[in-house]
PDB file of N, CA and C in Angstrom:
ATOM      1  N   MET A   1       0.858  -1.137  -0.027  1.00  0.00           N
ATOM      2  CA  MET A   1       0.022   0.012  -0.014  1.00  0.00           C
ATOM      3  C   MET A   1       0.913   1.258  -0.014  1.00  0.00           C
ATOM      4  N   ARG A   2       0.493   2.248  -0.783  1.00  0.00           N
ATOM      5  CA  ARG A   2       1.160   3.551  -0.832  1.00  0.00           C
ATOM      6  C   ARG A   2       0.307   4.544  -0.074  1.00  0.00           C
ATOM      7  N   LEU A   3       0.974   5.423   0.583  1.00  0.00           N
ATOM      8  CA  LEU A   3       0.227   6.501   1.431  1.00  0.00           C
ATOM      9  C   LEU A   3       0.769   7.801   0.953  1.00  0.00           C
ATOM     10  N   ARG A   4      -0.092   8.814   1.132  1.00  0.00           N
ATOM     11  CA  ARG A   4       0.254  10.241   0.974  1.00  0.00           C
ATOM     12  C   ARG A   4       0.024  10.950   2.261  1.00  0.00           C
ATOM     13  N   VAL A   5       1.045  11.653   2.856  1.00  0.00           N
ATOM     14  CA  VAL A   5       0.847  12.390   3.983  1.00  0.00           C
ATOM     15  C   VAL A   5       0.902  13.890   3.707  1.00  0.00           C
ATOM     16  N   GLU A   6       0.065  14.731   4.237  1.00  0.00           N
ATOM     17  CA  GLU A   6       0.007  16.110   4.144  1.00  0.00           C
ATOM     18  C   GLU A   6       0.037  16.655   5.579  1.00  0.00           C
ATOM     19  N   PHE A   7       0.915  17.647   5.928  1.00  0.00           N
ATOM     20  CA  PHE A   7       0.902  18.116   7.209  1.00  0.00           C
ATOM     21  C   PHE A   7       1.316  19.532   7.336  1.00  0.00           C
ATOM     22  N   THR A   8       0.964  20.168   8.452  1.00  0.00           N
ATOM     23  CA  THR A   8       1.419  21.481   8.805  1.00  0.00           C
ATOM     24  C   THR A   8       1.708  21.518  10.332  1.00  0.00           C
ATOM     25  N   THR A   9       2.641  22.229  10.742  1.00  0.00           N
ATOM     26  CA  THR A   9       2.849  22.519  12.232  1.00  0.00           C
ATOM     27  C   THR A   9       2.585  23.964  12.563  1.00  0.00           C
ATOM     28  N   GLU A  10       2.177  24.072  13.869  1.00  0.00           N
ATOM     29  CA  GLU A  10       1.923  25.445  14.290  1.00  0.00           C
ATOM     30  C   GLU A  10       2.577  25.646  15.667  1.00  0.00           C
ATOM     31  N   PRO A  11       2.870  26.846  16.116  1.00  0.00           N
ATOM     32  CA  PRO A  11       2.439  28.116  15.564  1.00  0.00           C
ATOM     33  C   PRO A  11       3.282  28.592  14.357  1.00  0.00           C
ATOM     34  N   PHE A  12       2.616  29.274  13.465  1.00  0.00           N
ATOM     35  CA  PHE A  12       3.241  29.809  12.271  1.00  0.00           C
ATOM     36  C   PHE A  12       4.175  30.978  12.661  1.00  0.00           C
ATOM     37  N   ASP A  13       5.193  31.171  11.874  1.00  0.00           N
ATOM     38  CA  ASP A  13       6.011  32.391  12.029  1.00  0.00           C
ATOM     39  C   ASP A  13       6.390  32.801  10.577  1.00  0.00           C
ATOM     40  N   LEU A  14       5.884  33.810  10.010  1.00  0.00           N
ATOM     41  CA  LEU A  14       6.169  34.151   8.695  1.00  0.00           C
ATOM     42  C   LEU A  14       7.596  34.772   8.470  1.00  0.00           C
ATOM     43  N   ASP A  15       8.197  35.298   9.486  1.00  0.00           N
ATOM     44  CA  ASP A  15       9.514  35.862   9.384  1.00  0.00           C
ATOM     45  C   ASP A  15      10.659  34.802   9.306  1.00  0.00           C
ATOM     46  N   GLU A  16      10.489  33.829  10.145  1.00  0.00           N
ATOM     47  CA  GLU A  16      11.581  32.736  10.188  1.00  0.00           C
ATOM     48  C   GLU A  16      10.836  31.433  10.612  1.00  0.00           C
ATOM     49  N   ALA A  17      11.363  30.399   9.894  1.00  0.00           N
ATOM     50  CA  ALA A  17      10.715  28.962  10.157  1.00  0.00           C
ATOM     51  C   ALA A  17      11.070  28.593  11.664  1.00  0.00           C
ATOM     52  N   PRO A  18      10.014  28.312  12.464  1.00  0.00           N
ATOM     53  CA  PRO A  18      10.216  27.899  13.858  1.00  0.00           C
ATOM     54  C   PRO A  18      10.972  26.448  13.880  1.00  0.00           C
ATOM     55  N   ALA A  19      11.555  26.202  14.947  1.00  0.00           N
ATOM     56  CA  ALA A  19      12.310  24.941  15.159  1.00  0.00           C
ATOM     57  C   ALA A  19      11.395  23.702  14.834  1.00  0.00           C
ATOM     58  N   HIS A  20      10.133  23.763  15.318  1.00  0.00           N
ATOM     59  CA  HIS A  20       9.364  22.541  14.978  1.00  0.00           C
ATOM     60  C   HIS A  20       9.059  22.311  13.493  1.00  0.00           C
ATOM     61  N   ALA A  21       8.950  23.399  12.694  1.00  0.00           N
ATOM     62  CA  ALA A  21       8.803  23.306  11.365  1.00  0.00           C
ATOM     63  C   ALA A  21      10.058  22.726  10.599  1.00  0.00           C
ATOM     64  N   VAL A  22      11.187  23.369  11.035  1.00  0.00           N
ATOM     65  CA  VAL A  22      12.419  22.814  10.519  1.00  0.00           C
ATOM     66  C   VAL A  22      12.718  21.364  10.784  1.00  0.00           C
ATOM     67  N   VAL A  23      12.409  20.958  12.034  1.00  0.00           N
ATOM     68  CA  VAL A  23      12.550  19.474  12.418  1.00  0.00           C
ATOM     69  C   VAL A  23      11.624  18.621  11.482  1.00  0.00           C
ATOM     70  N   ALA A  24      10.391  18.999  11.429  1.00  0.00           N
ATOM     71  CA  ALA A  24       9.346  18.213  10.710  1.00  0.00           C
ATOM     72  C   ALA A  24       9.776  18.082   9.263  1.00  0.00           C
ATOM     73  N   ARG A  25      10.339  19.166   8.582  1.00  0.00           N
ATOM     74  CA  ARG A  25      10.802  19.137   7.164  1.00  0.00           C
ATOM     75  C   ARG A  25      11.977  18.160   7.115  1.00  0.00           C
ATOM     76  N   GLU A  26      12.910  18.329   8.008  1.00  0.00           N
ATOM     77  CA  GLU A  26      14.103  17.450   8.000  1.00  0.00           C
ATOM     78  C   GLU A  26      13.780  16.045   8.011  1.00  0.00           C
ATOM     79  N   ILE A  27      12.754  15.675   8.789  1.00  0.00           N
ATOM     80  CA  ILE A  27      12.420  14.215   8.967  1.00  0.00           C
ATOM     81  C   ILE A  27      11.862  13.727   7.675  1.00  0.00           C
ATOM     82  N   ILE A  28      10.894  14.521   7.112  1.00  0.00           N
ATOM     83  CA  ILE A  28      10.259  14.140   5.766  1.00  0.00           C
ATOM     84  C   ILE A  28      11.334  14.052   4.686  1.00  0.00           C
ATOM     85  N   GLN A  29      12.219  15.090   4.624  1.00  0.00           N
ATOM     86  CA  GLN A  29      13.118  15.020   3.586  1.00  0.00           C
ATOM     87  C   GLN A  29      14.201  13.935   3.809  1.00  0.00           C
ATOM     88  N   SER A  30      14.434  13.465   4.956  1.00  0.00           N
ATOM     89  CA  SER A  30      15.522  12.511   5.122  1.00  0.00           C
ATOM     90  C   SER A  30      14.853  11.064   5.132  1.00  0.00           C
ATOM     91  N   ALA A  31      13.544  10.936   5.248  1.00  0.00           N
ATOM     92  CA  ALA A  31      12.874   9.535   5.155  1.00  0.00           C
ATOM     93  C   ALA A  31      12.973   9.019   3.735  1.00  0.00           C
ATOM     94  N   ASP A  32      12.792   7.718   3.675  1.00  0.00           N
ATOM     95  CA  ASP A  32      12.789   7.017   2.372  1.00  0.00           C
ATOM     96  C   ASP A  32      11.380   7.221   1.722  1.00  0.00           C
ATOM     97  N   LEU A  33      11.090   8.437   1.346  1.00  0.00           N
ATOM     98  CA  LEU A  33       9.733   8.760   0.737  1.00  0.00           C
ATOM     99  C   LEU A  33       9.971   9.355  -0.644  1.00  0.00           C
ATOM    100  N   ASP A  34       8.913   9.279  -1.429  1.00  0.00           N
ATOM    101  CA  ASP A  34       8.839   9.777  -2.744  1.00  0.00           C
ATOM    102  C   ASP A  34       8.040  11.183  -2.771  1.00  0.00           C
ATOM    103  N   ALA A  35       8.254  11.912  -3.841  1.00  0.00           N
ATOM    104  CA  ALA A  35       7.310  13.012  -4.055  1.00  0.00           C
ATOM    105  C   ALA A  35       7.254  13.989  -2.886  1.00  0.00           C
ATOM    106  N   VAL A  36       8.403  14.242  -2.323  1.00  0.00           N
ATOM    107  CA  VAL A  36       8.361  15.094  -1.094  1.00  0.00           C
ATOM    108  C   VAL A  36       8.323  16.555  -1.596  1.00  0.00           C
ATOM    109  N   ASP A  37       7.334  17.332  -1.072  1.00  0.00           N
ATOM    110  CA  ASP A  37       7.182  18.761  -1.357  1.00  0.00           C
ATOM    111  C   ASP A  37       6.949  19.599  -0.136  1.00  0.00           C
ATOM    112  N   VAL A  38       7.907  20.313   0.236  1.00  0.00           N
ATOM    113  CA  VAL A  38       7.766  21.139   1.450  1.00  0.00           C
ATOM    114  C   VAL A  38       7.607  22.629   1.053  1.00  0.00           C
ATOM    115  N   GLY A  39       6.801  23.282   1.801  1.00  0.00           N
ATOM    116  CA  GLY A  39       6.454  24.647   1.615  1.00  0.00           C
ATOM    117  C   GLY A  39       6.153  25.353   2.872  1.00  0.00           C
ATOM    118  N   PRO A  40       5.904  26.686   2.811  1.00  0.00           N
ATOM    119  CA  PRO A  40       5.611  27.404   4.036  1.00  0.00           C
ATOM    120  C   PRO A  40       4.334  27.123   4.714  1.00  0.00           C
ATOM    121  N   PHE A  41       3.312  26.701   3.888  1.00  0.00           N
ATOM    122  CA  PHE A  41       1.942  26.500   4.517  1.00  0.00           C
ATOM    123  C   PHE A  41       1.524  25.087   4.489  1.00  0.00           C
ATOM    124  N   GLY A  42       2.309  24.159   4.004  1.00  0.00           N
ATOM    125  CA  GLY A  42       1.953  22.796   3.992  1.00  0.00           C
ATOM    126  C   GLY A  42       3.051  21.933   3.312  1.00  0.00           C
ATOM    127  N   ASN A  43       3.060  20.646   3.638  1.00  0.00           N
ATOM    128  CA  ASN A  43       4.073  19.742   3.194  1.00  0.00           C
ATOM    129  C   ASN A  43       3.417  18.373   2.819  1.00  0.00           C
ATOM    130  N   THR A  44       3.924  17.752   1.681  1.00  0.00           N
ATOM    131  CA  THR A  44       3.416  16.421   1.340  1.00  0.00           C
ATOM    132  C   THR A  44       4.519  15.525   1.015  1.00  0.00           C
ATOM    133  N   ALA A  45       4.242  14.220   1.119  1.00  0.00           N
ATOM    134  CA  ALA A  45       5.155  13.236   0.727  1.00  0.00           C
ATOM    135  C   ALA A  45       4.458  11.826   0.504  1.00  0.00           C
ATOM    136  N   GLU A  46       4.888  11.100  -0.358  1.00  0.00           N
ATOM    137  CA  GLU A  46       4.390   9.726  -0.572  1.00  0.00           C
ATOM    138  C   GLU A  46       5.304   8.673  -0.406  1.00  0.00           C
ATOM    139  N   GLY A  47       4.915   7.513  -0.067  1.00  0.00           N
ATOM    140  CA  GLY A  47       5.823   6.307   0.035  1.00  0.00           C
ATOM    141  C   GLY A  47       5.034   5.136   0.445  1.00  0.00           C
ATOM    142  N   GLY A  48       5.746   4.142   0.698  1.00  0.00           N
ATOM    143  CA  GLY A  48       5.243   2.878   1.233  1.00  0.00           C
ATOM    144  C   GLY A  48       4.570   3.068   2.545  1.00  0.00           C
ATOM    145  N   ALA A  49       3.633   2.229   2.967  1.00  0.00           N
ATOM    146  CA  ALA A  49       2.912   2.465   4.194  1.00  0.00           C
ATOM    147  C   ALA A  49       3.819   2.468   5.443  1.00  0.00           C
ATOM    148  N   ASP A  50       4.833   1.492   5.469  1.00  0.00           N
ATOM    149  CA  ASP A  50       5.677   1.425   6.587  1.00  0.00           C
ATOM    150  C   ASP A  50       6.562   2.713   6.674  1.00  0.00           C
ATOM    151  N   GLU A  51       7.058   3.146   5.571  1.00  0.00           N
ATOM    152  CA  GLU A  51       8.003   4.336   5.616  1.00  0.00           C
ATOM    153  C   GLU A  51       7.219   5.565   5.879  1.00  0.00           C
ATOM    154  N   VAL A  52       6.026   5.772   5.436  1.00  0.00           N
ATOM    155  CA  VAL A  52       5.168   6.867   5.755  1.00  0.00           C
ATOM    156  C   VAL A  52       4.827   6.934   7.302  1.00  0.00           C
ATOM    157  N   LEU A  53       4.444   5.739   7.780  1.00  0.00           N
ATOM    158  CA  LEU A  53       3.905   5.713   9.145  1.00  0.00           C
ATOM    159  C   LEU A  53       5.082   5.850  10.009  1.00  0.00           C
ATOM    160  N   THR A  54       6.244   5.373   9.779  1.00  0.00           N
ATOM    161  CA  THR A  54       7.491   5.623  10.613  1.00  0.00           C
ATOM    162  C   THR A  54       7.909   7.093  10.552  1.00  0.00           C
ATOM    163  N   ALA A  55       7.773   7.671   9.423  1.00  0.00           N
ATOM    164  CA  ALA A  55       8.155   9.132   9.368  1.00  0.00           C
ATOM    165  C   ALA A  55       7.075   9.986  10.123  1.00  0.00           C
ATOM    166  N   VAL A  56       5.912   9.596  10.028  1.00  0.00           N
ATOM    167  CA  VAL A  56       4.776  10.372  10.798  1.00  0.00           C
ATOM    168  C   VAL A  56       4.959  10.242  12.345  1.00  0.00           C
ATOM    169  N   ASP A  57       5.373   9.033  12.761  1.00  0.00           N
ATOM    170  CA  ASP A  57       5.553   8.802  14.185  1.00  0.00           C
ATOM    171  C   ASP A  57       6.762   9.784  14.601  1.00  0.00           C
ATOM    172  N   SER A  58       7.805   9.770  13.871  1.00  0.00           N
ATOM    173  CA  SER A  58       8.992  10.593  14.243  1.00  0.00           C
ATOM    174  C   SER A  58       8.648  12.064  14.170  1.00  0.00           C
ATOM    175  N   LEU A  59       7.893  12.495  13.109  1.00  0.00           N
ATOM    176  CA  LEU A  59       7.520  13.807  12.922  1.00  0.00           C
ATOM    177  C   LEU A  59       6.711  14.372  14.134  1.00  0.00           C
ATOM    178  N   LEU A  60       5.732  13.592  14.515  1.00  0.00           N
ATOM    179  CA  LEU A  60       4.842  14.026  15.670  1.00  0.00           C
ATOM    180  C   LEU A  60       5.592  14.151  16.950  1.00  0.00           C
ATOM    181  N   ARG A  61       6.479  13.207  17.244  1.00  0.00           N
ATOM    182  CA  ARG A  61       7.245  13.257  18.525  1.00  0.00           C
ATOM    183  C   ARG A  61       8.183  14.311  18.515  1.00  0.00           C
ATOM    184  N   ARG A  62       8.922  14.500  17.420  1.00  0.00           N
ATOM    185  CA  ARG A  62       9.976  15.518  17.386  1.00  0.00           C
ATOM    186  C   ARG A  62       9.542  16.972  17.262  1.00  0.00           C
ATOM    187  N   ALA A  63       8.364  17.096  16.480  1.00  0.00           N
ATOM    188  CA  ALA A  63       7.874  18.470  16.228  1.00  0.00           C
ATOM    189  C   ALA A  63       7.288  18.946  17.481  1.00  0.00           C
ATOM    190  N   LEU A  64       6.474  18.061  18.264  1.00  0.00           N
ATOM    191  CA  LEU A  64       5.929  18.510  19.475  1.00  0.00           C
ATOM    192  C   LEU A  64       7.019  18.781  20.591  1.00  0.00           C
ATOM    193  N   ALA A  65       8.115  17.933  20.521  1.00  0.00           N
ATOM    194  CA  ALA A  65       9.300  18.239  21.472  1.00  0.00           C
ATOM    195  C   ALA A  65      10.051  19.450  21.180  1.00  0.00           C
ATOM    196  N   SER A  66       9.856  19.945  19.872  1.00  0.00           N
ATOM    197  CA  SER A  66      10.561  21.133  19.469  1.00  0.00           C
ATOM    198  C   SER A  66       9.577  22.423  19.543  1.00  0.00           C
ATOM    199  N   GLY A  67       8.463  22.265  20.168  1.00  0.00           N
ATOM    200  CA  GLY A  67       7.631  23.449  20.296  1.00  0.00           C
ATOM    201  C   GLY A  67       6.364  23.622  19.607  1.00  0.00           C
ATOM    202  N   ALA A  68       6.100  22.653  18.767  1.00  0.00           N
ATOM    203  CA  ALA A  68       4.842  22.687  17.977  1.00  0.00           C
ATOM    204  C   ALA A  68       3.639  22.619  18.996  1.00  0.00           C
ATOM    205  N   THR A  69       2.690  23.437  18.886  1.00  0.00           N
ATOM    206  CA  THR A  69       1.539  23.381  19.741  1.00  0.00           C
ATOM    207  C   THR A  69       0.363  22.625  18.999  1.00  0.00           C
ATOM    208  N   ARG A  70       0.461  22.485  17.700  1.00  0.00           N
ATOM    209  CA  ARG A  70      -0.529  21.785  16.830  1.00  0.00           C
ATOM    210  C   ARG A  70       0.210  21.161  15.597  1.00  0.00           C
ATOM    211  N   VAL A  71      -0.130  19.924  15.307  1.00  0.00           N
ATOM    212  CA  VAL A  71       0.265  19.322  14.104  1.00  0.00           C
ATOM    213  C   VAL A  71      -1.006  18.746  13.512  1.00  0.00           C
ATOM    214  N   SER A  72      -1.275  19.284  12.277  1.00  0.00           N
ATOM    215  CA  SER A  72      -2.445  18.898  11.396  1.00  0.00           C
ATOM    216  C   SER A  72      -1.894  17.940  10.351  1.00  0.00           C
ATOM    217  N   LEU A  73      -2.561  16.792  10.259  1.00  0.00           N
ATOM    218  CA  LEU A  73      -2.025  15.900   9.170  1.00  0.00           C
ATOM    219  C   LEU A  73      -3.205  15.116   8.643  1.00  0.00           C
ATOM    220  N   GLN A  74      -3.023  14.709   7.397  1.00  0.00           N
ATOM    221  CA  GLN A  74      -3.992  13.881   6.731  1.00  0.00           C
ATOM    222  C   GLN A  74      -3.159  12.854   5.966  1.00  0.00           C
ATOM    223  N   VAL A  75      -3.658  11.539   6.062  1.00  0.00           N
ATOM    224  CA  VAL A  75      -2.943  10.402   5.427  1.00  0.00           C
ATOM    225  C   VAL A  75      -4.060   9.850   4.561  1.00  0.00           C
ATOM    226  N   ASN A  76      -3.652   9.645   3.243  1.00  0.00           N
ATOM    227  CA  ASN A  76      -4.538   9.052   2.362  1.00  0.00           C
ATOM    228  C   ASN A  76      -3.829   7.837   1.727  1.00  0.00           C
ATOM    229  N   VAL A  77      -4.653   6.822   1.424  1.00  0.00           N
ATOM    230  CA  VAL A  77      -4.162   5.679   0.616  1.00  0.00           C
ATOM    231  C   VAL A  77      -4.238   6.144  -0.893  1.00  0.00           C
ATOM    232  N   VAL A  78      -3.105   5.979  -1.583  1.00  0.00           N
ATOM    233  CA  VAL A  78      -2.968   6.503  -3.023  1.00  0.00           C
ATOM    234  C   VAL A  78      -2.700   5.281  -3.966  1.00  0.00           C
ATOM    235  N   GLY A  79      -2.470   4.125  -3.396  1.00  0.00           N
ATOM    236  CA  GLY A  79      -2.198   2.990  -4.278  1.00  0.00           C
ATOM    237  C   GLY A  79      -1.468   1.819  -3.726  1.00  0.00           C
ATOM    238  N   GLU A  80      -1.120   0.848  -4.455  1.00  0.00           N
ATOM    239  CA  GLU A  80      -0.376  -0.278  -4.088  1.00  0.00           C
ATOM    240  C   GLU A  80       1.065  -0.159  -4.446  1.00  0.00           C
ATOM    241  N   ASP A  81       1.955  -0.660  -3.584  1.00  0.00           N
ATOM    242  CA  ASP A  81       3.362  -0.755  -3.894  1.00  0.00           C
ATOM    243  C   ASP A  81       3.524  -1.713  -5.051  1.00  0.00           C
ATOM    244  N   SER A  82       4.638  -1.441  -5.845  1.00  0.00           N
ATOM    245  CA  SER A  82       4.914  -2.418  -6.894  1.00  0.00           C
ATOM    246  C   SER A  82       5.739  -3.597  -6.377  1.00  0.00           C
ATOM    247  N   GLN A  83       6.072  -3.734  -5.185  1.00  0.00           N
ATOM    248  CA  GLN A  83       6.793  -4.817  -4.607  1.00  0.00           C
ATOM    249  C   GLN A  83       6.060  -6.050  -4.424  1.00  0.00           C
TER     250      GLN A  83
END
């Protein structure tokens, strides 16, 4: 199964990316995921179910530990792995 995760972390700071946003992006960018797109108001990535769920677990734990007061995320099934 393939999954797509979309997420944002809060509070926002339009002048400088807060630590929790930087940590969340680093986790997603370093995970073994496809189609990673990071931006100022939302981030998306796709990959195998195990990889996405592992990244989401780390993202939640580390973003909250880094000062996030809210993490909004959505996970969608987008297809089957070719494996």
